[in-house]
Amino acid sequence: MIFSRLEPAKYKLRVSGDGVITTESGVLDMTDSGPNLTEHVRMRRIPLPTDGPGGSSVSVTELNIPAEAKKEFEKGASNMEEKNWSEAKNHLDRAIRDLSQIRSSP
């Protein structure tokens, strides 16, 4: 994708869509990079229930993953790909906390 006529500034690029895990780039500094900057963002598809062992069955609790937990997990996964271990741990800890709340509620 090409973005034109961007003002010199710092940007982040977020890629999302059906069947892909939302991914965010690091900070893109276009304050003095000139008119062109190339950024590669690795996209990963969302695994389907039939991708792994166990066939096509999915537990009911897997279908009830809170949006906030999913968002934190995706941020953590993105941070891990960038080798930003501290931020990844923070986001993954939050995802676990959010999942624990739904698992422990009656």
C-alpha atoms as a PDB file:
ATOM      1  CA  MET A   1       0.000   0.000   0.000  1.00  0.00           C
ATOM      2  CA  ILE A   2       1.267   3.489  -0.789  1.00  0.00           C
ATOM      3  CA  PHE A   3       0.444   6.511   1.316  1.00  0.00           C
ATOM      4  CA  SER A   4       1.081   9.838  -0.340  1.00  0.00           C
ATOM      5  CA  ARG A   5       1.190  13.425   0.847  1.00  0.00           C
ATOM      6  CA  LEU A   6       1.967  12.574   4.454  1.00  0.00           C
ATOM      7  CA  GLU A   7       3.190  15.408   6.600  1.00  0.00           C
ATOM      8  CA  PRO A   8       6.654  14.955   8.147  1.00  0.00           C
ATOM      9  CA  ALA A   9       5.872  13.345  11.510  1.00  0.00           C
ATOM     10  CA  LYS A  10       6.138  10.104  13.458  1.00  0.00           C
ATOM     11  CA  TYR A  11       3.633   7.404  12.505  1.00  0.00           C
ATOM     12  CA  LYS A  12       2.668   3.856  13.408  1.00  0.00           C
ATOM     13  CA  LEU A  13       1.289   1.429  10.860  1.00  0.00           C
ATOM     14  CA  ARG A  14      -1.467  -0.986  11.942  1.00  0.00           C
ATOM     15  CA  VAL A  15      -2.507  -3.835   9.679  1.00  0.00           C
ATOM     16  CA  SER A  16      -5.743  -5.716  10.342  1.00  0.00           C
ATOM     17  CA  GLY A  17      -8.400  -7.580   8.448  1.00  0.00           C
ATOM     18  CA  ASP A  18     -10.391 -10.751   8.152  1.00  0.00           C
ATOM     19  CA  GLY A  19      -8.284 -13.807   8.821  1.00  0.00           C
ATOM     20  CA  VAL A  20      -5.136 -11.959   9.969  1.00  0.00           C
ATOM     21  CA  ILE A  21      -3.789 -11.101  13.412  1.00  0.00           C
ATOM     22  CA  THR A  22      -3.721  -7.343  13.887  1.00  0.00           C
ATOM     23  CA  THR A  23      -0.105  -6.200  13.708  1.00  0.00           C
ATOM     24  CA  GLU A  24       1.401  -2.820  14.500  1.00  0.00           C
ATOM     25  CA  SER A  25       4.747  -1.462  13.362  1.00  0.00           C
ATOM     26  CA  GLY A  26       7.167   0.381  15.555  1.00  0.00           C
ATOM     27  CA  VAL A  27       7.368   4.155  15.312  1.00  0.00           C
ATOM     28  CA  LEU A  28       8.080   5.299  11.758  1.00  0.00           C
ATOM     29  CA  ASP A  29       9.996   8.564  11.929  1.00  0.00           C
ATOM     30  CA  MET A  30       9.302  10.547   8.782  1.00  0.00           C
ATOM     31  CA  THR A  31      10.424  13.889  10.204  1.00  0.00           C
ATOM     32  CA  ASP A  32      13.566  13.951   8.052  1.00  0.00           C
ATOM     33  CA  SER A  33      13.459  10.783   5.943  1.00  0.00           C
ATOM     34  CA  GLY A  34      12.466  12.491   2.733  1.00  0.00           C
ATOM     35  CA  PRO A  35       9.339  11.647   0.751  1.00  0.00           C
ATOM     36  CA  ASN A  36       9.872   7.866   0.688  1.00  0.00           C
ATOM     37  CA  LEU A  37      10.093   5.284   3.425  1.00  0.00           C
ATOM     38  CA  THR A  38       9.719   1.521   3.072  1.00  0.00           C
ATOM     39  CA  GLU A  39       8.340  -0.468   5.991  1.00  0.00           C
ATOM     40  CA  HIS A  40       7.869  -4.232   6.054  1.00  0.00           C
ATOM     41  CA  VAL A  41       5.176  -5.576   8.356  1.00  0.00           C
ATOM     42  CA  ARG A  42       4.990  -9.326   8.817  1.00  0.00           C
ATOM     43  CA  MET A  43       1.397 -10.486   8.750  1.00  0.00           C
ATOM     44  CA  ARG A  44       0.212 -13.703  10.336  1.00  0.00           C
ATOM     45  CA  ARG A  45      -3.085 -15.388   9.656  1.00  0.00           C
ATOM     46  CA  ILE A  46      -5.424 -16.385  12.425  1.00  0.00           C
ATOM     47  CA  PRO A  47      -5.145 -20.147  12.895  1.00  0.00           C
ATOM     48  CA  LEU A  48      -8.339 -21.999  12.167  1.00  0.00           C
ATOM     49  CA  PRO A  49      -9.658 -24.577  14.633  1.00  0.00           C
ATOM     50  CA  THR A  50      -8.873 -27.250  12.029  1.00  0.00           C
ATOM     51  CA  ASP A  51      -5.194 -26.174  11.811  1.00  0.00           C
ATOM     52  CA  GLY A  52      -4.047 -28.061  14.894  1.00  0.00           C
ATOM     53  CA  PRO A  53      -4.536 -31.411  16.515  1.00  0.00           C
ATOM     54  CA  GLY A  54      -8.037 -32.179  17.688  1.00  0.00           C
ATOM     55  CA  GLY A  55      -9.892 -31.560  14.449  1.00  0.00           C
ATOM     56  CA  SER A  56     -12.595 -28.975  14.252  1.00  0.00           C
ATOM     57  CA  SER A  57     -13.821 -28.915  17.862  1.00  0.00           C
ATOM     58  CA  VAL A  58     -13.445 -25.695  19.832  1.00  0.00           C
ATOM     59  CA  SER A  59     -14.209 -25.326  23.512  1.00  0.00           C
ATOM     60  CA  VAL A  60     -16.933 -22.890  24.512  1.00  0.00           C
ATOM     61  CA  THR A  61     -14.457 -20.932  26.646  1.00  0.00           C
ATOM     62  CA  GLU A  62     -12.245 -20.391  23.594  1.00  0.00           C
ATOM     63  CA  LEU A  63     -15.189 -18.794  21.827  1.00  0.00           C
ATOM     64  CA  ASN A  64     -15.739 -16.438  24.761  1.00  0.00           C
ATOM     65  CA  ILE A  65     -12.330 -14.764  24.761  1.00  0.00           C
ATOM     66  CA  PRO A  66     -12.821 -11.173  25.929  1.00  0.00           C
ATOM     67  CA  ALA A  67     -11.938  -8.586  23.283  1.00  0.00           C
ATOM     68  CA  GLU A  68      -9.535  -6.876  25.693  1.00  0.00           C
ATOM     69  CA  ALA A  69      -7.634 -10.138  26.317  1.00  0.00           C
ATOM     70  CA  LYS A  70      -7.374 -10.777  22.577  1.00  0.00           C
ATOM     71  CA  LYS A  71      -6.125  -7.227  21.984  1.00  0.00           C
ATOM     72  CA  GLU A  72      -3.474  -7.569  24.714  1.00  0.00           C
ATOM     73  CA  PHE A  73      -2.379 -10.943  23.319  1.00  0.00           C
ATOM     74  CA  GLU A  74      -2.003  -9.516  19.807  1.00  0.00           C
ATOM     75  CA  LYS A  75       0.061  -6.596  21.124  1.00  0.00           C
ATOM     76  CA  GLY A  76       2.237  -9.008  23.096  1.00  0.00           C
ATOM     77  CA  ALA A  77       2.749 -11.233  20.056  1.00  0.00           C
ATOM     78  CA  SER A  78       3.707  -8.214  17.973  1.00  0.00           C
ATOM     79  CA  ASN A  79       6.171  -7.065  20.653  1.00  0.00           C
ATOM     80  CA  MET A  80       7.714 -10.550  20.720  1.00  0.00           C
ATOM     81  CA  GLU A  81       8.279 -10.445  16.965  1.00  0.00           C
ATOM     82  CA  GLU A  82      10.054  -7.114  17.478  1.00  0.00           C
ATOM     83  CA  LYS A  83      12.079  -8.667  20.336  1.00  0.00           C
ATOM     84  CA  ASN A  84      10.641  -6.056  22.697  1.00  0.00           C
ATOM     85  CA  TRP A  85      10.504  -8.551  25.566  1.00  0.00           C
ATOM     86  CA  SER A  86       9.535  -6.174  28.370  1.00  0.00           C
ATOM     87  CA  GLU A  87       6.494  -4.783  26.550  1.00  0.00           C
ATOM     88  CA  ALA A  88       5.543  -8.270  25.334  1.00  0.00           C
ATOM     89  CA  LYS A  89       5.530  -9.563  28.917  1.00  0.00           C
ATOM     90  CA  ASN A  90       3.368  -6.643  30.081  1.00  0.00           C
ATOM     91  CA  HIS A  91       0.770  -7.234  27.363  1.00  0.00           C
ATOM     92  CA  LEU A  92       0.754 -11.020  27.764  1.00  0.00           C
ATOM     93  CA  ASP A  93       0.382 -10.687  31.555  1.00  0.00           C
ATOM     94  CA  ARG A  94      -2.651  -8.448  30.972  1.00  0.00           C
ATOM     95  CA  ALA A  95      -4.111 -10.969  28.507  1.00  0.00           C
ATOM     96  CA  ILE A  96      -3.731 -13.752  31.083  1.00  0.00           C
ATOM     97  CA  ARG A  97      -5.317 -11.576  33.758  1.00  0.00           C
ATOM     98  CA  ASP A  98      -8.281 -10.820  31.482  1.00  0.00           C
ATOM     99  CA  LEU A  99      -8.690 -14.514  30.599  1.00  0.00           C
ATOM    100  CA  SER A 100      -8.407 -15.548  34.260  1.00  0.00           C
ATOM    101  CA  GLN A 101     -11.275 -13.240  35.156  1.00  0.00           C
ATOM    102  CA  ILE A 102     -13.660 -14.929  32.700  1.00  0.00           C
ATOM    103  CA  ARG A 103     -12.444 -18.439  33.606  1.00  0.00           C
ATOM    104  CA  SER A 104     -12.941 -17.854  37.356  1.00  0.00           C
ATOM    105  CA  SER A 105     -16.337 -16.158  37.146  1.00  0.00           C
ATOM    106  CA  PRO A 106     -19.340 -18.405  37.880  1.00  0.00           C
END
